[in-house]
PDB file of all heavy atoms in Angstrom:
ATOM      1  N   LEU A   1      70.348  78.690  67.389  1.00  0.00           N
ATOM      2  CA  LEU A   1      70.843  78.087  68.775  1.00  0.00           C
ATOM      3  C   LEU A   1      71.833  77.029  68.428  1.00  0.00           C
ATOM      4  O   LEU A   1      72.765  76.883  69.086  1.00  0.00           O
ATOM      5  CB  LEU A   1      69.636  77.678  69.618  1.00  0.00           C
ATOM      6  CG  LEU A   1      69.946  76.977  70.870  1.00  0.00           C
ATOM      7  CD1 LEU A   1      70.646  77.939  71.842  1.00  0.00           C
ATOM      8  CD2 LEU A   1      68.723  76.473  71.429  1.00  0.00           C
ATOM      9  N   GLN A   2      71.358  76.134  67.552  1.00  0.00           N
ATOM     10  CA  GLN A   2      72.219  74.971  67.197  1.00  0.00           C
ATOM     11  C   GLN A   2      73.466  75.428  66.604  1.00  0.00           C
ATOM     12  O   GLN A   2      74.570  74.783  66.842  1.00  0.00           O
ATOM     13  CB  GLN A   2      71.401  73.930  66.374  1.00  0.00           C
ATOM     14  CG  GLN A   2      70.192  73.354  66.905  1.00  0.00           C
ATOM     15  CD  GLN A   2      70.623  72.596  68.162  1.00  0.00           C
ATOM     16  OE1 GLN A   2      71.652  71.858  68.308  1.00  0.00           O
ATOM     17  NE2 GLN A   2      69.683  72.620  69.102  1.00  0.00           N
ATOM     18  N   LEU A   3      73.540  76.354  65.608  1.00  0.00           N
ATOM     19  CA  LEU A   3      74.703  76.845  65.005  1.00  0.00           C
ATOM     20  C   LEU A   3      75.623  77.530  65.989  1.00  0.00           C
ATOM     21  O   LEU A   3      76.880  77.359  65.961  1.00  0.00           O
ATOM     22  CB  LEU A   3      74.313  77.947  63.873  1.00  0.00           C
ATOM     23  CG  LEU A   3      73.522  77.199  62.619  1.00  0.00           C
ATOM     24  CD1 LEU A   3      73.292  78.344  61.750  1.00  0.00           C
ATOM     25  CD2 LEU A   3      74.545  76.290  62.091  1.00  0.00           C
ATOM     26  N   SER A   4      75.138  78.195  67.042  1.00  0.00           N
ATOM     27  CA  SER A   4      75.891  78.855  68.009  1.00  0.00           C
ATOM     28  C   SER A   4      76.669  77.704  68.982  1.00  0.00           C
ATOM     29  O   SER A   4      77.710  78.008  69.215  1.00  0.00           O
ATOM     30  CB  SER A   4      75.039  79.699  68.901  1.00  0.00           C
ATOM     31  OG  SER A   4      74.578  80.898  68.081  1.00  0.00           O
ATOM     32  N   ARG A   5      75.791  76.798  69.273  1.00  0.00           N
ATOM     33  CA  ARG A   5      76.285  75.801  70.058  1.00  0.00           C
ATOM     34  C   ARG A   5      77.422  74.952  69.397  1.00  0.00           C
ATOM     35  O   ARG A   5      78.423  74.675  69.931  1.00  0.00           O
ATOM     36  CB  ARG A   5      75.257  74.751  70.548  1.00  0.00           C
ATOM     37  CG  ARG A   5      74.334  75.274  71.506  1.00  0.00           C
ATOM     38  CD  ARG A   5      73.134  74.376  71.779  1.00  0.00           C
ATOM     39  NE  ARG A   5      72.326  74.839  72.999  1.00  0.00           N
ATOM     40  CZ  ARG A   5      71.154  74.201  73.429  1.00  0.00           C
ATOM     41  NH1 ARG A   5      70.844  73.085  72.666  1.00  0.00           N
ATOM     42  NH2 ARG A   5      70.533  74.667  74.384  1.00  0.00           N
ATOM     43  N   ALA A   6      77.292  74.723  68.024  1.00  0.00           N
ATOM     44  CA  ALA A   6      78.281  74.123  67.263  1.00  0.00           C
ATOM     45  C   ALA A   6      79.646  74.976  67.275  1.00  0.00           C
ATOM     46  O   ALA A   6      80.691  74.313  67.506  1.00  0.00           O
ATOM     47  CB  ALA A   6      77.822  73.888  65.842  1.00  0.00           C
ATOM     48  N   ARG A   7      79.417  76.251  67.051  1.00  0.00           N
ATOM     49  CA  ARG A   7      80.650  77.121  66.994  1.00  0.00           C
ATOM     50  C   ARG A   7      81.275  77.091  68.401  1.00  0.00           C
ATOM     51  O   ARG A   7      82.615  77.237  68.432  1.00  0.00           O
ATOM     52  CB  ARG A   7      80.229  78.483  66.521  1.00  0.00           C
ATOM     53  CG  ARG A   7      81.419  79.468  66.422  1.00  0.00           C
ATOM     54  CD  ARG A   7      80.979  80.804  65.907  1.00  0.00           C
ATOM     55  NE  ARG A   7      80.063  81.521  66.754  1.00  0.00           N
ATOM     56  CZ  ARG A   7      79.545  82.733  66.631  1.00  0.00           C
ATOM     57  NH1 ARG A   7      79.832  83.367  65.467  1.00  0.00           N
ATOM     58  NH2 ARG A   7      78.657  83.264  67.320  1.00  0.00           N
ATOM     59  N   ASN A   8      80.478  77.273  69.399  1.00  0.00           N
ATOM     60  CA  ASN A   8      81.040  77.322  70.772  1.00  0.00           C
ATOM     61  C   ASN A   8      81.810  76.099  71.095  1.00  0.00           C
ATOM     62  O   ASN A   8      82.767  76.059  71.875  1.00  0.00           O
ATOM     63  CB  ASN A   8      79.910  77.520  71.819  1.00  0.00           C
ATOM     64  CG  ASN A   8      79.326  78.899  71.672  1.00  0.00           C
ATOM     65  OD1 ASN A   8      80.007  79.915  71.110  1.00  0.00           O
ATOM     66  ND2 ASN A   8      78.191  79.160  72.285  1.00  0.00           N
ATOM     67  N   ARG A   9      81.422  74.893  70.586  1.00  0.00           N
ATOM     68  CA  ARG A   9      82.189  73.575  70.978  1.00  0.00           C
ATOM     69  C   ARG A   9      83.530  73.704  70.275  1.00  0.00           C
ATOM     70  O   ARG A   9      84.524  73.093  70.888  1.00  0.00           O
ATOM     71  CB  ARG A   9      81.415  72.485  70.421  1.00  0.00           C
ATOM     72  CG  ARG A   9      80.253  72.073  71.070  1.00  0.00           C
ATOM     73  CD  ARG A   9      80.454  71.733  72.682  1.00  0.00           C
ATOM     74  NE  ARG A   9      81.219  70.540  72.798  1.00  0.00           N
ATOM     75  CZ  ARG A   9      82.409  70.261  73.446  1.00  0.00           C
ATOM     76  NH1 ARG A   9      83.058  71.375  73.955  1.00  0.00           N
ATOM     77  NH2 ARG A   9      82.913  69.117  73.532  1.00  0.00           N
ATOM     78  N   LEU A  10      83.769  74.415  69.316  1.00  0.00           N
ATOM     79  CA  LEU A  10      85.110  74.608  68.780  1.00  0.00           C
ATOM     80  C   LEU A  10      85.906  75.731  69.289  1.00  0.00           C
ATOM     81  O   LEU A  10      87.221  75.648  69.339  1.00  0.00           O
ATOM     82  CB  LEU A  10      85.027  74.810  67.067  1.00  0.00           C
ATOM     83  CG  LEU A  10      84.256  73.749  66.368  1.00  0.00           C
ATOM     84  CD1 LEU A  10      84.326  74.164  64.798  1.00  0.00           C
ATOM     85  CD2 LEU A  10      84.944  72.413  66.546  1.00  0.00           C
ATOM     86  N   THR A  11      85.225  76.781  69.744  1.00  0.00           N
ATOM     87  CA  THR A  11      85.957  77.932  70.459  1.00  0.00           C
ATOM     88  C   THR A  11      86.150  77.854  71.825  1.00  0.00           C
ATOM     89  O   THR A  11      86.964  78.599  72.316  1.00  0.00           O
ATOM     90  CB  THR A  11      85.018  79.183  70.063  1.00  0.00           C
ATOM     91  OG1 THR A  11      83.791  79.109  70.713  1.00  0.00           O
ATOM     92  CG2 THR A  11      84.972  79.351  68.562  1.00  0.00           C
ATOM     93  N   THR A  12      85.412  76.923  72.575  1.00  0.00           N
ATOM     94  CA  THR A  12      85.555  76.772  73.978  1.00  0.00           C
ATOM     95  C   THR A  12      85.958  75.362  74.362  1.00  0.00           C
ATOM     96  O   THR A  12      84.974  74.485  74.533  1.00  0.00           O
ATOM     97  CB  THR A  12      84.247  77.308  74.700  1.00  0.00           C
ATOM     98  OG1 THR A  12      83.810  78.504  74.182  1.00  0.00           O
ATOM     99  CG2 THR A  12      84.462  77.369  76.187  1.00  0.00           C
ATOM    100  N   PRO A  13      87.057  74.975  74.527  1.00  0.00           N
ATOM    101  CA  PRO A  13      87.522  73.645  74.937  1.00  0.00           C
ATOM    102  C   PRO A  13      86.873  73.490  76.319  1.00  0.00           C
ATOM    103  O   PRO A  13      86.742  74.300  77.096  1.00  0.00           O
ATOM    104  CB  PRO A  13      88.998  73.614  75.081  1.00  0.00           C
ATOM    105  CG  PRO A  13      89.433  74.859  74.138  1.00  0.00           C
ATOM    106  CD  PRO A  13      88.245  75.873  74.242  1.00  0.00           C
ATOM    107  N   ALA A  14      86.692  72.124  76.534  1.00  0.00           N
ATOM    108  CA  ALA A  14      86.188  71.623  77.930  1.00  0.00           C
ATOM    109  C   ALA A  14      87.090  71.829  78.922  1.00  0.00           C
ATOM    110  O   ALA A  14      88.388  71.657  78.641  1.00  0.00           O
ATOM    111  CB  ALA A  14      85.586  70.190  77.774  1.00  0.00           C
ATOM    112  N   THR A  15      86.810  72.168  80.169  1.00  0.00           N
ATOM    113  CA  THR A  15      87.721  72.130  81.324  1.00  0.00           C
ATOM    114  C   THR A  15      87.765  70.749  81.889  1.00  0.00           C
ATOM    115  O   THR A  15      86.644  70.120  82.085  1.00  0.00           O
ATOM    116  CB  THR A  15      87.218  73.355  82.382  1.00  0.00           C
ATOM    117  OG1 THR A  15      85.802  72.953  82.722  1.00  0.00           O
ATOM    118  CG2 THR A  15      87.228  74.599  81.697  1.00  0.00           C
ATOM    119  N   LEU A  16      88.872  70.318  82.241  1.00  0.00           N
ATOM    120  CA  LEU A  16      89.055  69.100  82.840  1.00  0.00           C
ATOM    121  C   LEU A  16      89.899  69.089  84.067  1.00  0.00           C
ATOM    122  O   LEU A  16      90.774  69.980  84.225  1.00  0.00           O
ATOM    123  CB  LEU A  16      89.778  68.071  81.891  1.00  0.00           C
ATOM    124  CG  LEU A  16      88.924  67.642  80.544  1.00  0.00           C
ATOM    125  CD1 LEU A  16      89.917  66.924  79.567  1.00  0.00           C
ATOM    126  CD2 LEU A  16      87.720  66.907  80.935  1.00  0.00           C
ATOM    127  N   THR A  17      89.643  68.264  85.036  1.00  0.00           N
ATOM    128  CA  THR A  17      90.650  68.111  86.203  1.00  0.00           C
ATOM    129  C   THR A  17      91.805  67.236  85.750  1.00  0.00           C
ATOM    130  O   THR A  17      91.533  66.375  84.846  1.00  0.00           O
ATOM    131  CB  THR A  17      89.920  67.521  87.375  1.00  0.00           C
ATOM    132  OG1 THR A  17      89.563  66.156  86.980  1.00  0.00           O
ATOM    133  CG2 THR A  17      88.704  68.326  87.738  1.00  0.00           C
ATOM    134  N   LEU A  18      92.811  67.297  86.419  1.00  0.00           N
ATOM    135  CA  LEU A  18      93.969  66.404  86.189  1.00  0.00           C
ATOM    136  C   LEU A  18      93.688  64.913  86.269  1.00  0.00           C
ATOM    137  O   LEU A  18      94.010  64.087  85.583  1.00  0.00           O
ATOM    138  CB  LEU A  18      95.334  66.872  86.991  1.00  0.00           C
ATOM    139  CG  LEU A  18      95.871  68.141  86.454  1.00  0.00           C
ATOM    140  CD1 LEU A  18      96.738  68.708  87.538  1.00  0.00           C
ATOM    141  CD2 LEU A  18      96.617  67.948  85.285  1.00  0.00           C
ATOM    142  N   PRO A  19      92.886  64.516  87.403  1.00  0.00           N
ATOM    143  CA  PRO A  19      92.442  63.124  87.502  1.00  0.00           C
ATOM    144  C   PRO A  19      91.652  62.626  86.260  1.00  0.00           C
ATOM    145  O   PRO A  19      91.774  61.448  85.759  1.00  0.00           O
ATOM    146  CB  PRO A  19      91.662  63.123  88.680  1.00  0.00           C
ATOM    147  CG  PRO A  19      92.241  64.135  89.583  1.00  0.00           C
ATOM    148  CD  PRO A  19      92.614  65.188  88.608  1.00  0.00           C
ATOM    149  N   GLU A  20      90.812  63.520  85.718  1.00  0.00           N
ATOM    150  CA  GLU A  20      90.003  63.207  84.582  1.00  0.00           C
ATOM    151  C   GLU A  20      90.933  62.931  83.369  1.00  0.00           C
ATOM    152  O   GLU A  20      90.768  61.998  82.439  1.00  0.00           O
ATOM    153  CB  GLU A  20      89.030  64.241  84.304  1.00  0.00           C
ATOM    154  CG  GLU A  20      87.792  64.345  85.185  1.00  0.00           C
ATOM    155  CD  GLU A  20      87.033  65.565  85.013  1.00  0.00           C
ATOM    156  OE1 GLU A  20      87.385  66.498  84.466  1.00  0.00           O
ATOM    157  OE2 GLU A  20      85.778  65.442  85.272  1.00  0.00           O
ATOM    158  N   ILE A  21      91.955  63.715  83.297  1.00  0.00           N
ATOM    159  CA  ILE A  21      93.008  63.567  82.189  1.00  0.00           C
ATOM    160  C   ILE A  21      93.672  62.235  82.395  1.00  0.00           C
ATOM    161  O   ILE A  21      93.921  61.429  81.397  1.00  0.00           O
ATOM    162  CB  ILE A  21      93.994  64.826  82.100  1.00  0.00           C
ATOM    163  CG1 ILE A  21      93.161  65.991  81.733  1.00  0.00           C
ATOM    164  CG2 ILE A  21      95.071  64.391  80.959  1.00  0.00           C
ATOM    165  CD1 ILE A  21      94.061  67.282  81.686  1.00  0.00           C
ATOM    166  N   ALA A  22      94.087  61.963  83.594  1.00  0.00           N
ATOM    167  CA  ALA A  22      94.825  60.763  83.900  1.00  0.00           C
ATOM    168  C   ALA A  22      94.077  59.434  83.724  1.00  0.00           C
ATOM    169  O   ALA A  22      94.595  58.445  83.274  1.00  0.00           O
ATOM    170  CB  ALA A  22      95.318  60.904  85.439  1.00  0.00           C
ATOM    171  N   SER A  23      92.698  59.531  83.912  1.00  0.00           N
ATOM    172  CA  SER A  23      91.904  58.353  83.826  1.00  0.00           C
ATOM    173  C   SER A  23      91.286  58.239  82.294  1.00  0.00           C
ATOM    174  O   SER A  23      90.695  57.243  82.028  1.00  0.00           O
ATOM    175  CB  SER A  23      90.704  58.413  84.721  1.00  0.00           C
ATOM    176  OG  SER A  23      89.965  59.612  84.642  1.00  0.00           O
ATOM    177  N   SER A  24      91.709  59.202  81.415  1.00  0.00           N
ATOM    178  CA  SER A  24      91.173  59.197  80.113  1.00  0.00           C
ATOM    179  C   SER A  24      91.604  58.056  79.348  1.00  0.00           C
ATOM    180  O   SER A  24      92.827  57.601  79.478  1.00  0.00           O
ATOM    181  CB  SER A  24      91.492  60.554  79.466  1.00  0.00           C
ATOM    182  OG  SER A  24      91.297  60.398  78.062  1.00  0.00           O
ATOM    183  N   GLY A  25      90.861  57.480  78.482  1.00  0.00           N
ATOM    184  CA  GLY A  25      91.334  56.347  77.565  1.00  0.00           C
ATOM    185  C   GLY A  25      92.487  56.818  76.648  1.00  0.00           C
ATOM    186  O   GLY A  25      93.135  55.992  76.115  1.00  0.00           O
ATOM    187  N   LEU A  26      92.634  58.048  76.592  1.00  0.00           N
ATOM    188  CA  LEU A  26      93.938  58.587  75.583  1.00  0.00           C
ATOM    189  C   LEU A  26      95.199  57.994  76.153  1.00  0.00           C
ATOM    190  O   LEU A  26      96.140  57.719  75.321  1.00  0.00           O
ATOM    191  CB  LEU A  26      94.007  60.100  75.793  1.00  0.00           C
ATOM    192  CG  LEU A  26      94.974  60.794  74.923  1.00  0.00           C
ATOM    193  CD1 LEU A  26      94.782  60.423  73.426  1.00  0.00           C
ATOM    194  CD2 LEU A  26      94.878  62.236  75.090  1.00  0.00           C
ATOM    195  N   ALA A  27      95.341  57.697  77.488  1.00  0.00           N
ATOM    196  CA  ALA A  27      96.534  57.204  78.120  1.00  0.00           C
ATOM    197  C   ALA A  27      96.856  55.828  77.498  1.00  0.00           C
ATOM    198  O   ALA A  27      97.958  55.461  77.394  1.00  0.00           O
ATOM    199  CB  ALA A  27      96.536  57.282  79.569  1.00  0.00           C
ATOM    200  N   LYS A  28      95.708  55.120  77.101  1.00  0.00           N
ATOM    201  CA  LYS A  28      95.925  53.614  76.597  1.00  0.00           C
ATOM    202  C   LYS A  28      96.156  53.769  75.116  1.00  0.00           C
ATOM    203  O   LYS A  28      96.151  52.589  74.511  1.00  0.00           O
ATOM    204  CB  LYS A  28      94.796  52.933  76.949  1.00  0.00           C
ATOM    205  CG  LYS A  28      94.562  52.887  78.441  1.00  0.00           C
ATOM    206  CD  LYS A  28      93.219  52.270  78.824  1.00  0.00           C
ATOM    207  CE  LYS A  28      92.889  52.184  80.459  1.00  0.00           C
ATOM    208  NZ  LYS A  28      91.782  51.554  80.689  1.00  0.00           N
ATOM    209  N   MET A  29      96.304  54.761  74.431  1.00  0.00           N
ATOM    210  CA  MET A  29      96.411  54.788  72.976  1.00  0.00           C
ATOM    211  C   MET A  29      97.727  54.688  72.414  1.00  0.00           C
ATOM    212  O   MET A  29      98.018  54.368  71.351  1.00  0.00           O
ATOM    213  CB  MET A  29      95.867  56.315  72.574  1.00  0.00           C
ATOM    214  CG  MET A  29      94.390  56.562  72.597  1.00  0.00           C
ATOM    215  SD  MET A  29      93.394  55.593  71.531  1.00  0.00           S
ATOM    216  CE  MET A  29      93.875  56.433  69.993  1.00  0.00           C
ATOM    217  N   PHE A  30      98.774  54.780  73.422  1.00  0.00           N
ATOM    218  CA  PHE A  30     100.169  54.956  72.878  1.00  0.00           C
ATOM    219  C   PHE A  30     100.917  53.574  73.047  1.00  0.00           C
ATOM    220  O   PHE A  30     100.673  52.845  73.979  1.00  0.00           O
ATOM    221  CB  PHE A  30     100.849  55.923  73.619  1.00  0.00           C
ATOM    222  CG  PHE A  30     100.404  57.391  73.385  1.00  0.00           C
ATOM    223  CD1 PHE A  30      99.340  58.022  74.179  1.00  0.00           C
ATOM    224  CD2 PHE A  30     100.858  58.065  72.363  1.00  0.00           C
ATOM    225  CE1 PHE A  30      98.803  59.290  73.830  1.00  0.00           C
ATOM    226  CE2 PHE A  30     100.391  59.371  72.009  1.00  0.00           C
ATOM    227  CZ  PHE A  30      99.497  59.933  72.839  1.00  0.00           C
ATOM    228  N   THR A  31     101.855  53.457  72.190  1.00  0.00           N
ATOM    229  CA  THR A  31     102.869  52.424  72.300  1.00  0.00           C
ATOM    230  C   THR A  31     104.361  53.052  72.063  1.00  0.00           C
ATOM    231  O   THR A  31     104.424  53.711  71.214  1.00  0.00           O
ATOM    232  CB  THR A  31     102.687  51.244  71.367  1.00  0.00           C
ATOM    233  OG1 THR A  31     103.540  50.247  71.435  1.00  0.00           O
ATOM    234  CG2 THR A  31     102.710  51.613  69.899  1.00  0.00           C
ATOM    235  N   PRO A  32     105.159  52.968  72.909  1.00  0.00           N
ATOM    236  CA  PRO A  32     105.099  52.160  74.295  1.00  0.00           C
ATOM    237  C   PRO A  32     104.129  52.947  75.177  1.00  0.00           C
ATOM    238  O   PRO A  32     103.781  54.109  74.920  1.00  0.00           O
ATOM    239  CB  PRO A  32     106.484  52.134  74.875  1.00  0.00           C
ATOM    240  CG  PRO A  32     107.133  53.385  74.179  1.00  0.00           C
ATOM    241  CD  PRO A  32     106.662  53.353  72.794  1.00  0.00           C
ATOM    242  N   ALA A  33     103.674  52.345  76.287  1.00  0.00           N
ATOM    243  CA  ALA A  33     102.815  53.032  77.211  1.00  0.00           C
ATOM    244  C   ALA A  33     103.374  54.249  77.836  1.00  0.00           C
ATOM    245  O   ALA A  33     104.645  54.213  78.052  1.00  0.00           O
ATOM    246  CB  ALA A  33     102.321  51.978  78.272  1.00  0.00           C
ATOM    247  N   LEU A  34     102.595  55.237  78.018  1.00  0.00           N
ATOM    248  CA  LEU A  34     103.141  56.460  78.687  1.00  0.00           C
ATOM    249  C   LEU A  34     103.475  56.056  80.085  1.00  0.00           C
ATOM    250  O   LEU A  34     102.893  55.311  80.901  1.00  0.00           O
ATOM    251  CB  LEU A  34     101.961  57.338  78.784  1.00  0.00           C
ATOM    252  CG  LEU A  34     101.453  58.042  77.467  1.00  0.00           C
ATOM    253  CD1 LEU A  34     100.417  59.077  77.761  1.00  0.00           C
ATOM    254  CD2 LEU A  34     102.596  58.876  76.740  1.00  0.00           C
ATOM    255  N   PRO A  35     104.653  56.680  80.616  1.00  0.00           N
ATOM    256  CA  PRO A  35     105.011  56.395  81.942  1.00  0.00           C
ATOM    257  C   PRO A  35     104.184  57.160  82.888  1.00  0.00           C
ATOM    258  O   PRO A  35     103.421  58.037  82.562  1.00  0.00           O
ATOM    259  CB  PRO A  35     106.501  57.065  82.056  1.00  0.00           C
ATOM    260  CG  PRO A  35     106.506  58.020  80.851  1.00  0.00           C
ATOM    261  CD  PRO A  35     105.657  57.409  79.773  1.00  0.00           C
ATOM    262  N   PRO A  36     104.112  56.705  84.124  1.00  0.00           N
ATOM    263  CA  PRO A  36     103.121  57.261  85.046  1.00  0.00           C
ATOM    264  C   PRO A  36     103.356  58.785  85.419  1.00  0.00           C
ATOM    265  O   PRO A  36     102.474  59.385  86.079  1.00  0.00           O
ATOM    266  CB  PRO A  36     103.307  56.317  86.360  1.00  0.00           C
ATOM    267  CG  PRO A  36     104.668  55.852  86.195  1.00  0.00           C
ATOM    268  CD  PRO A  36     104.774  55.717  84.774  1.00  0.00           C
TER     269      PRO A  36
END
């Protein structure tokens, strides 16, 4: 069960809404800042 879950995490990316992507901390990683 644990091995299957591990494999599934690599084979099945998480689904996200666009607001979730927009509010992600990833947007704050870049320099210069990403435009809106």
